[in-house]
Amino acid sequence: MFYTYAISSLERNYIYVGITSNTERRLNEHNSGKNKTTRPYRPFELIFEKDFQTRAEARIEEIKLKSGFGKEFLRSLIQNQKKQHTKD
């Protein structure tokens, strides 16, 4: 099983999209600074996760999410989460 995932920086306007076989482990790696690309943007929260049978399928979804439309979709998820928190 492979997962396409997106994480959002809690302190900066930054979204990272990737593929993994273990989302929890990968999020911990990002938050602990093991990934050079995301290190300056820590900490992160998981905002999107979708599972696939093959890495190729997950890669197709990753490419979609990295497109302009995909980034717009992810930003809308963040906005909806913020609205949910303000209602509580």
PDB file of N, CA and C in Angstrom:
ATOM      1  N   MET A   1       0.844  -1.176   0.000  1.00  0.00           N
ATOM      2  CA  MET A   1       0.000   0.000   0.000  1.00  0.00           C
ATOM      3  C   MET A   1       0.892   1.244   0.000  1.00  0.00           C
ATOM      4  N   PHE A   2       0.507   2.205  -0.816  1.00  0.00           N
ATOM      5  CA  PHE A   2       1.218   3.481  -0.884  1.00  0.00           C
ATOM      6  C   PHE A   2       0.231   4.606  -0.622  1.00  0.00           C
ATOM      7  N   TYR A   3       0.746   5.684  -0.085  1.00  0.00           N
ATOM      8  CA  TYR A   3      -0.088   6.829   0.255  1.00  0.00           C
ATOM      9  C   TYR A   3       0.468   8.087  -0.393  1.00  0.00           C
ATOM     10  N   THR A   4      -0.421   8.868  -0.968  1.00  0.00           N
ATOM     11  CA  THR A   4      -0.077  10.229  -1.360  1.00  0.00           C
ATOM     12  C   THR A   4      -0.539  11.093  -0.200  1.00  0.00           C
ATOM     13  N   TYR A   5       0.328  11.976   0.255  1.00  0.00           N
ATOM     14  CA  TYR A   5      -0.009  12.781   1.422  1.00  0.00           C
ATOM     15  C   TYR A   5       0.381  14.232   1.200  1.00  0.00           C
ATOM     16  N   ALA A   6      -0.252  15.103   1.961  1.00  0.00           N
ATOM     17  CA  ALA A   6       0.102  16.523   1.957  1.00  0.00           C
ATOM     18  C   ALA A   6       0.175  16.977   3.402  1.00  0.00           C
ATOM     19  N   ILE A   7       1.205  17.768   3.688  1.00  0.00           N
ATOM     20  CA  ILE A   7       1.367  18.336   5.018  1.00  0.00           C
ATOM     21  C   ILE A   7       1.453  19.851   4.887  1.00  0.00           C
ATOM     22  N   SER A   8       0.999  20.512   5.918  1.00  0.00           N
ATOM     23  CA  SER A   8       1.001  21.971   5.926  1.00  0.00           C
ATOM     24  C   SER A   8       1.804  22.461   7.119  1.00  0.00           C
ATOM     25  N   SER A   9       2.635  23.462   6.875  1.00  0.00           N
ATOM     26  CA  SER A   9       3.396  24.075   7.960  1.00  0.00           C
ATOM     27  C   SER A   9       2.437  24.803   8.889  1.00  0.00           C
ATOM     28  N   LEU A  10       2.630  24.643  10.180  1.00  0.00           N
ATOM     29  CA  LEU A  10       1.781  25.322  11.157  1.00  0.00           C
ATOM     30  C   LEU A  10       2.190  26.775  11.361  1.00  0.00           C
ATOM     31  N   GLU A  11       3.396  27.131  10.931  1.00  0.00           N
ATOM     32  CA  GLU A  11       3.891  28.482  11.178  1.00  0.00           C
ATOM     33  C   GLU A  11       4.115  29.308   9.921  1.00  0.00           C
ATOM     34  N   ARG A  12       4.176  28.665   8.771  1.00  0.00           N
ATOM     35  CA  ARG A  12       4.437  29.389   7.527  1.00  0.00           C
ATOM     36  C   ARG A  12       3.491  28.911   6.439  1.00  0.00           C
ATOM     37  N   ASN A  13       3.394  29.665   5.376  1.00  0.00           N
ATOM     38  CA  ASN A  13       2.513  29.330   4.261  1.00  0.00           C
ATOM     39  C   ASN A  13       3.240  28.356   3.332  1.00  0.00           C
ATOM     40  N   TYR A  14       3.254  27.076   3.701  1.00  0.00           N
ATOM     41  CA  TYR A  14       4.005  26.076   2.948  1.00  0.00           C
ATOM     42  C   TYR A  14       3.265  24.749   2.994  1.00  0.00           C
ATOM     43  N   ILE A  15       3.094  24.141   1.823  1.00  0.00           N
ATOM     44  CA  ILE A  15       2.467  22.829   1.699  1.00  0.00           C
ATOM     45  C   ILE A  15       3.453  21.911   0.987  1.00  0.00           C
ATOM     46  N   TYR A  16       3.625  20.712   1.524  1.00  0.00           N
ATOM     47  CA  TYR A  16       4.496  19.707   0.919  1.00  0.00           C
ATOM     48  C   TYR A  16       3.648  18.497   0.543  1.00  0.00           C
ATOM     49  N   VAL A  17       3.856  17.968  -0.655  1.00  0.00           N
ATOM     50  CA  VAL A  17       3.134  16.793  -1.141  1.00  0.00           C
ATOM     51  C   VAL A  17       4.149  15.697  -1.436  1.00  0.00           C
ATOM     52  N   GLY A  18       3.842  14.469  -1.010  1.00  0.00           N
ATOM     53  CA  GLY A  18       4.761  13.368  -1.244  1.00  0.00           C
ATOM     54  C   GLY A  18       4.064  12.021  -1.267  1.00  0.00           C
ATOM     55  N   ILE A  19       4.873  10.968  -1.392  1.00  0.00           N
ATOM     56  CA  ILE A  19       4.410   9.576  -1.411  1.00  0.00           C
ATOM     57  C   ILE A  19       5.169   8.816  -0.332  1.00  0.00           C
ATOM     58  N   THR A  20       4.480   7.895   0.325  1.00  0.00           N
ATOM     59  CA  THR A  20       5.125   7.074   1.344  1.00  0.00           C
ATOM     60  C   THR A  20       4.365   5.760   1.509  1.00  0.00           C
ATOM     61  N   SER A  21       4.993   4.822   2.180  1.00  0.00           N
ATOM     62  CA  SER A  21       4.304   3.582   2.547  1.00  0.00           C
ATOM     63  C   SER A  21       3.858   3.635   4.007  1.00  0.00           C
ATOM     64  N   ASN A  22       4.252   4.695   4.728  1.00  0.00           N
ATOM     65  CA  ASN A  22       3.901   4.838   6.142  1.00  0.00           C
ATOM     66  C   ASN A  22       3.776   6.330   6.464  1.00  0.00           C
ATOM     67  N   THR A  23       2.563   6.823   6.467  1.00  0.00           N
ATOM     68  CA  THR A  23       2.328   8.259   6.639  1.00  0.00           C
ATOM     69  C   THR A  23       2.758   8.753   8.011  1.00  0.00           C
ATOM     70  N   GLU A  24       2.479   7.997   9.047  1.00  0.00           N
ATOM     71  CA  GLU A  24       2.845   8.420  10.405  1.00  0.00           C
ATOM     72  C   GLU A  24       4.366   8.572  10.546  1.00  0.00           C
ATOM     73  N   ARG A  25       5.106   7.580  10.060  1.00  0.00           N
ATOM     74  CA  ARG A  25       6.565   7.642  10.106  1.00  0.00           C
ATOM     75  C   ARG A  25       7.078   8.836   9.318  1.00  0.00           C
ATOM     76  N   ARG A  26       6.512   9.042   8.141  1.00  0.00           N
ATOM     77  CA  ARG A  26       6.970  10.129   7.270  1.00  0.00           C
ATOM     78  C   ARG A  26       6.692  11.495   7.893  1.00  0.00           C
ATOM     79  N   LEU A  27       5.534  11.676   8.506  1.00  0.00           N
ATOM     80  CA  LEU A  27       5.229  12.940   9.178  1.00  0.00           C
ATOM     81  C   LEU A  27       6.219  13.186  10.310  1.00  0.00           C
ATOM     82  N   ASN A  28       6.544  12.139  11.058  1.00  0.00           N
ATOM     83  CA  ASN A  28       7.542  12.272  12.128  1.00  0.00           C
ATOM     84  C   ASN A  28       8.908  12.668  11.571  1.00  0.00           C
ATOM     85  N   GLU A  29       9.277  12.115  10.421  1.00  0.00           N
ATOM     86  CA  GLU A  29      10.549  12.485   9.796  1.00  0.00           C
ATOM     87  C   GLU A  29      10.562  13.962   9.402  1.00  0.00           C
ATOM     88  N   HIS A  30       9.464  14.421   8.839  1.00  0.00           N
ATOM     89  CA  HIS A  30       9.375  15.844   8.474  1.00  0.00           C
ATOM     90  C   HIS A  30       9.477  16.722   9.726  1.00  0.00           C
ATOM     91  N   ASN A  31       8.755  16.375  10.764  1.00  0.00           N
ATOM     92  CA  ASN A  31       8.730  17.198  11.975  1.00  0.00           C
ATOM     93  C   ASN A  31      10.026  17.144  12.773  1.00  0.00           C
ATOM     94  N   SER A  32      10.808  16.080  12.602  1.00  0.00           N
ATOM     95  CA  SER A  32      12.075  15.981  13.331  1.00  0.00           C
ATOM     96  C   SER A  32      13.238  16.602  12.558  1.00  0.00           C
ATOM     97  N   GLY A  33      12.977  17.076  11.337  1.00  0.00           N
ATOM     98  CA  GLY A  33      14.012  17.751  10.562  1.00  0.00           C
ATOM     99  C   GLY A  33      14.872  16.837   9.718  1.00  0.00           C
ATOM    100  N   LYS A  34      14.460  15.597   9.523  1.00  0.00           N
ATOM    101  CA  LYS A  34      15.257  14.654   8.731  1.00  0.00           C
ATOM    102  C   LYS A  34      15.184  14.936   7.230  1.00  0.00           C
ATOM    103  N   ASN A  35      14.184  15.690   6.809  1.00  0.00           N
ATOM    104  CA  ASN A  35      14.038  16.047   5.404  1.00  0.00           C
ATOM    105  C   ASN A  35      14.561  17.462   5.202  1.00  0.00           C
ATOM    106  N   LYS A  36      15.616  17.587   4.418  1.00  0.00           N
ATOM    107  CA  LYS A  36      16.278  18.877   4.221  1.00  0.00           C
ATOM    108  C   LYS A  36      15.337  19.919   3.599  1.00  0.00           C
ATOM    109  N   THR A  37      14.494  19.485   2.684  1.00  0.00           N
ATOM    110  CA  THR A  37      13.589  20.401   1.993  1.00  0.00           C
ATOM    111  C   THR A  37      12.578  21.039   2.934  1.00  0.00           C
ATOM    112  N   THR A  38      12.048  20.261   3.864  1.00  0.00           N
ATOM    113  CA  THR A  38      10.985  20.773   4.734  1.00  0.00           C
ATOM    114  C   THR A  38      11.480  21.270   6.087  1.00  0.00           C
ATOM    115  N   ARG A  39      12.734  21.037   6.409  1.00  0.00           N
ATOM    116  CA  ARG A  39      13.280  21.401   7.726  1.00  0.00           C
ATOM    117  C   ARG A  39      12.962  22.844   8.150  1.00  0.00           C
ATOM    118  N   PRO A  40      13.119  23.844   7.277  1.00  0.00           N
ATOM    119  CA  PRO A  40      12.883  25.230   7.719  1.00  0.00           C
ATOM    120  C   PRO A  40      11.416  25.563   7.998  1.00  0.00           C
ATOM    121  N   TYR A  41      10.505  24.688   7.597  1.00  0.00           N
ATOM    122  CA  TYR A  41       9.077  24.991   7.699  1.00  0.00           C
ATOM    123  C   TYR A  41       8.370  24.259   8.838  1.00  0.00           C
ATOM    124  N   ARG A  42       9.114  23.528   9.647  1.00  0.00           N
ATOM    125  CA  ARG A  42       8.525  22.762  10.750  1.00  0.00           C
ATOM    126  C   ARG A  42       7.841  23.680  11.745  1.00  0.00           C
ATOM    127  N   PRO A  43       6.863  23.190  12.469  1.00  0.00           N
ATOM    128  CA  PRO A  43       6.224  21.865  12.470  1.00  0.00           C
ATOM    129  C   PRO A  43       5.117  21.765  11.407  1.00  0.00           C
ATOM    130  N   PHE A  44       4.710  20.518  11.152  1.00  0.00           N
ATOM    131  CA  PHE A  44       3.703  20.227  10.137  1.00  0.00           C
ATOM    132  C   PHE A  44       2.523  19.469  10.728  1.00  0.00           C
ATOM    133  N   GLU A  45       1.398  19.581  10.004  1.00  0.00           N
ATOM    134  CA  GLU A  45       0.247  18.725  10.290  1.00  0.00           C
ATOM    135  C   GLU A  45      -0.187  18.080   8.979  1.00  0.00           C
ATOM    136  N   LEU A  46      -0.713  16.870   9.083  1.00  0.00           N
ATOM    137  CA  LEU A  46      -1.215  16.152   7.920  1.00  0.00           C
ATOM    138  C   LEU A  46      -2.549  16.761   7.515  1.00  0.00           C
ATOM    139  N   ILE A  47      -2.685  17.156   6.248  1.00  0.00           N
ATOM    140  CA  ILE A  47      -3.945  17.739   5.789  1.00  0.00           C
ATOM    141  C   ILE A  47      -4.636  16.871   4.748  1.00  0.00           C
ATOM    142  N   PHE A  48      -3.896  15.900   4.159  1.00  0.00           N
ATOM    143  CA  PHE A  48      -4.481  15.053   3.123  1.00  0.00           C
ATOM    144  C   PHE A  48      -3.729  13.732   3.085  1.00  0.00           C
ATOM    145  N   GLU A  49      -4.504  12.653   2.908  1.00  0.00           N
ATOM    146  CA  GLU A  49      -3.913  11.313   2.772  1.00  0.00           C
ATOM    147  C   GLU A  49      -4.863  10.463   1.944  1.00  0.00           C
ATOM    148  N   LYS A  50      -4.318   9.779   0.945  1.00  0.00           N
ATOM    149  CA  LYS A  50      -5.126   8.894   0.109  1.00  0.00           C
ATOM    150  C   LYS A  50      -4.297   7.657  -0.199  1.00  0.00           C
ATOM    151  N   ASP A  51      -4.910   6.474  -0.075  1.00  0.00           N
ATOM    152  CA  ASP A  51      -4.164   5.230  -0.275  1.00  0.00           C
ATOM    153  C   ASP A  51      -4.364   4.668  -1.681  1.00  0.00           C
ATOM    154  N   PHE A  52      -3.322   3.976  -2.153  1.00  0.00           N
ATOM    155  CA  PHE A  52      -3.305   3.371  -3.485  1.00  0.00           C
ATOM    156  C   PHE A  52      -2.633   2.006  -3.405  1.00  0.00           C
ATOM    157  N   GLN A  53      -2.980   1.148  -4.345  1.00  0.00           N
ATOM    158  CA  GLN A  53      -2.389  -0.189  -4.392  1.00  0.00           C
ATOM    159  C   GLN A  53      -0.958  -0.165  -4.920  1.00  0.00           C
ATOM    160  N   THR A  54      -0.670   0.744  -5.837  1.00  0.00           N
ATOM    161  CA  THR A  54       0.664   0.780  -6.440  1.00  0.00           C
ATOM    162  C   THR A  54       1.302   2.156  -6.272  1.00  0.00           C
ATOM    163  N   ARG A  55       2.619   2.161  -6.337  1.00  0.00           N
ATOM    164  CA  ARG A  55       3.359   3.427  -6.270  1.00  0.00           C
ATOM    165  C   ARG A  55       3.034   4.310  -7.480  1.00  0.00           C
ATOM    166  N   ALA A  56       2.828   3.684  -8.635  1.00  0.00           N
ATOM    167  CA  ALA A  56       2.511   4.433  -9.857  1.00  0.00           C
ATOM    168  C   ALA A  56       1.200   5.204  -9.702  1.00  0.00           C
ATOM    169  N   GLU A  57       0.193   4.574  -9.105  1.00  0.00           N
ATOM    170  CA  GLU A  57      -1.082   5.264  -8.874  1.00  0.00           C
ATOM    171  C   GLU A  57      -0.900   6.430  -7.905  1.00  0.00           C
ATOM    172  N   ALA A  58      -0.122   6.196  -6.857  1.00  0.00           N
ATOM    173  CA  ALA A  58       0.141   7.258  -5.878  1.00  0.00           C
ATOM    174  C   ALA A  58       0.885   8.414  -6.533  1.00  0.00           C
ATOM    175  N   ARG A  59       1.796   8.097  -7.436  1.00  0.00           N
ATOM    176  CA  ARG A  59       2.572   9.139  -8.128  1.00  0.00           C
ATOM    177  C   ARG A  59       1.668  10.013  -8.998  1.00  0.00           C
ATOM    178  N   ILE A  60       0.692   9.408  -9.659  1.00  0.00           N
ATOM    179  CA  ILE A  60      -0.256  10.173 -10.479  1.00  0.00           C
ATOM    180  C   ILE A  60      -1.007  11.179  -9.610  1.00  0.00           C
ATOM    181  N   GLU A  61      -1.460  10.740  -8.446  1.00  0.00           N
ATOM    182  CA  GLU A  61      -2.162  11.641  -7.523  1.00  0.00           C
ATOM    183  C   GLU A  61      -1.221  12.733  -7.019  1.00  0.00           C
ATOM    184  N   GLU A  62       0.021  12.374  -6.740  1.00  0.00           N
ATOM    185  CA  GLU A  62       1.005  13.362  -6.287  1.00  0.00           C
ATOM    186  C   GLU A  62       1.185  14.463  -7.333  1.00  0.00           C
ATOM    187  N   ILE A  63       1.292  14.080  -8.582  1.00  0.00           N
ATOM    188  CA  ILE A  63       1.452  15.059  -9.666  1.00  0.00           C
ATOM    189  C   ILE A  63       0.235  15.977  -9.736  1.00  0.00           C
ATOM    190  N   LYS A  64      -0.963  15.408  -9.584  1.00  0.00           N
ATOM    191  CA  LYS A  64      -2.187  16.223  -9.600  1.00  0.00           C
ATOM    192  C   LYS A  64      -2.175  17.244  -8.467  1.00  0.00           C
ATOM    193  N   LEU A  65      -1.782  16.797  -7.268  1.00  0.00           N
ATOM    194  CA  LEU A  65      -1.793  17.694  -6.112  1.00  0.00           C
ATOM    195  C   LEU A  65      -0.721  18.773  -6.204  1.00  0.00           C
ATOM    196  N   LYS A  66       0.334  18.520  -6.952  1.00  0.00           N
ATOM    197  CA  LYS A  66       1.394  19.515  -7.113  1.00  0.00           C
ATOM    198  C   LYS A  66       1.068  20.529  -8.210  1.00  0.00           C
ATOM    199  N   SER A  67      -0.011  20.291  -8.940  1.00  0.00           N
ATOM    200  CA  SER A  67      -0.427  21.228  -9.983  1.00  0.00           C
ATOM    201  C   SER A  67      -1.099  22.442  -9.338  1.00  0.00           C
ATOM    202  N   GLY A  68      -1.367  23.451 -10.130  1.00  0.00           N
ATOM    203  CA  GLY A  68      -2.052  24.641  -9.620  1.00  0.00           C
ATOM    204  C   GLY A  68      -3.407  24.301  -9.026  1.00  0.00           C
ATOM    205  N   PHE A  69      -4.175  23.468  -9.730  1.00  0.00           N
ATOM    206  CA  PHE A  69      -5.484  23.055  -9.237  1.00  0.00           C
ATOM    207  C   PHE A  69      -5.352  22.268  -7.939  1.00  0.00           C
ATOM    208  N   GLY A  70      -4.356  21.392  -7.885  1.00  0.00           N
ATOM    209  CA  GLY A  70      -4.143  20.580  -6.687  1.00  0.00           C
ATOM    210  C   GLY A  70      -3.786  21.421  -5.479  1.00  0.00           C
ATOM    211  N   LYS A  71      -2.903  22.396  -5.670  1.00  0.00           N
ATOM    212  CA  LYS A  71      -2.523  23.288  -4.558  1.00  0.00           C
ATOM    213  C   LYS A  71      -3.732  24.098  -4.093  1.00  0.00           C
ATOM    214  N   GLU A  72      -4.564  24.521  -5.048  1.00  0.00           N
ATOM    215  CA  GLU A  72      -5.783  25.257  -4.697  1.00  0.00           C
ATOM    216  C   GLU A  72      -6.704  24.376  -3.851  1.00  0.00           C
ATOM    217  N   PHE A  73      -6.848  23.113  -4.245  1.00  0.00           N
ATOM    218  CA  PHE A  73      -7.653  22.158  -3.490  1.00  0.00           C
ATOM    219  C   PHE A  73      -7.120  22.003  -2.065  1.00  0.00           C
ATOM    220  N   LEU A  74      -5.800  21.870  -1.925  1.00  0.00           N
ATOM    221  CA  LEU A  74      -5.201  21.701  -0.597  1.00  0.00           C
ATOM    222  C   LEU A  74      -5.381  22.952   0.256  1.00  0.00           C
ATOM    223  N   ARG A  75      -5.251  24.119  -0.346  1.00  0.00           N
ATOM    224  CA  ARG A  75      -5.471  25.366   0.406  1.00  0.00           C
ATOM    225  C   ARG A  75      -6.916  25.461   0.887  1.00  0.00           C
ATOM    226  N   SER A  76      -7.862  24.976   0.059  1.00  0.00           N
ATOM    227  CA  SER A  76      -9.266  24.995   0.480  1.00  0.00           C
ATOM    228  C   SER A  76      -9.487  24.046   1.657  1.00  0.00           C
ATOM    229  N   LEU A  77      -8.765  22.923   1.691  1.00  0.00           N
ATOM    230  CA  LEU A  77      -8.857  22.019   2.843  1.00  0.00           C
ATOM    231  C   LEU A  77      -8.399  22.725   4.117  1.00  0.00           C
ATOM    232  N   ILE A  78      -7.302  23.469   4.011  1.00  0.00           N
ATOM    233  CA  ILE A  78      -6.770  24.198   5.166  1.00  0.00           C
ATOM    234  C   ILE A  78      -7.777  25.242   5.632  1.00  0.00           C
ATOM    235  N   GLN A  79      -8.361  25.978   4.688  1.00  0.00           N
ATOM    236  CA  GLN A  79      -9.344  27.006   5.048  1.00  0.00           C
ATOM    237  C   GLN A  79     -10.558  26.384   5.731  1.00  0.00           C
ATOM    238  N   ASN A  80     -11.016  25.243   5.222  1.00  0.00           N
ATOM    239  CA  ASN A  80     -12.162  24.567   5.831  1.00  0.00           C
ATOM    240  C   ASN A  80     -11.839  24.080   7.237  1.00  0.00           C
ATOM    241  N   GLN A  81     -10.606  23.600   7.448  1.00  0.00           N
ATOM    242  CA  GLN A  81     -10.198  23.169   8.788  1.00  0.00           C
ATOM    243  C   GLN A  81     -10.179  24.352   9.743  1.00  0.00           C
ATOM    244  N   LYS A  82      -9.703  25.498   9.275  1.00  0.00           N
ATOM    245  CA  LYS A  82      -9.671  26.698  10.120  1.00  0.00           C
ATOM    246  C   LYS A  82     -11.080  27.133  10.489  1.00  0.00           C
ATOM    247  N   LYS A  83     -12.009  27.052   9.524  1.00  0.00           N
ATOM    248  CA  LYS A  83     -13.402  27.413   9.793  1.00  0.00           C
ATOM    249  C   LYS A  83     -14.008  26.477  10.830  1.00  0.00           C
ATOM    250  N   GLN A  84     -13.683  25.186  10.736  1.00  0.00           N
ATOM    251  CA  GLN A  84     -14.195  24.210  11.703  1.00  0.00           C
ATOM    252  C   GLN A  84     -13.700  24.526  13.105  1.00  0.00           C
ATOM    253  N   HIS A  85     -12.431  24.916  13.230  1.00  0.00           N
ATOM    254  CA  HIS A  85     -11.858  25.225  14.544  1.00  0.00           C
ATOM    255  C   HIS A  85     -12.468  26.482  15.146  1.00  0.00           C
ATOM    256  N   THR A  86     -12.825  27.448  14.312  1.00  0.00           N
ATOM    257  CA  THR A  86     -13.406  28.684  14.846  1.00  0.00           C
ATOM    258  C   THR A  86     -14.849  28.476  15.277  1.00  0.00           C
ATOM    259  N   LYS A  87     -15.528  27.479  14.706  1.00  0.00           N
ATOM    260  CA  LYS A  87     -16.907  27.177  15.102  1.00  0.00           C
ATOM    261  C   LYS A  87     -16.966  26.474  16.453  1.00  0.00           C
ATOM    262  N   ASP A  88     -15.914  25.758  16.797  1.00  0.00           N
ATOM    263  CA  ASP A  88     -15.900  24.964  18.047  1.00  0.00           C
ATOM    264  C   ASP A  88     -15.774  25.801  19.275  1.00  0.00           C
TER     265      ASP A  88
END
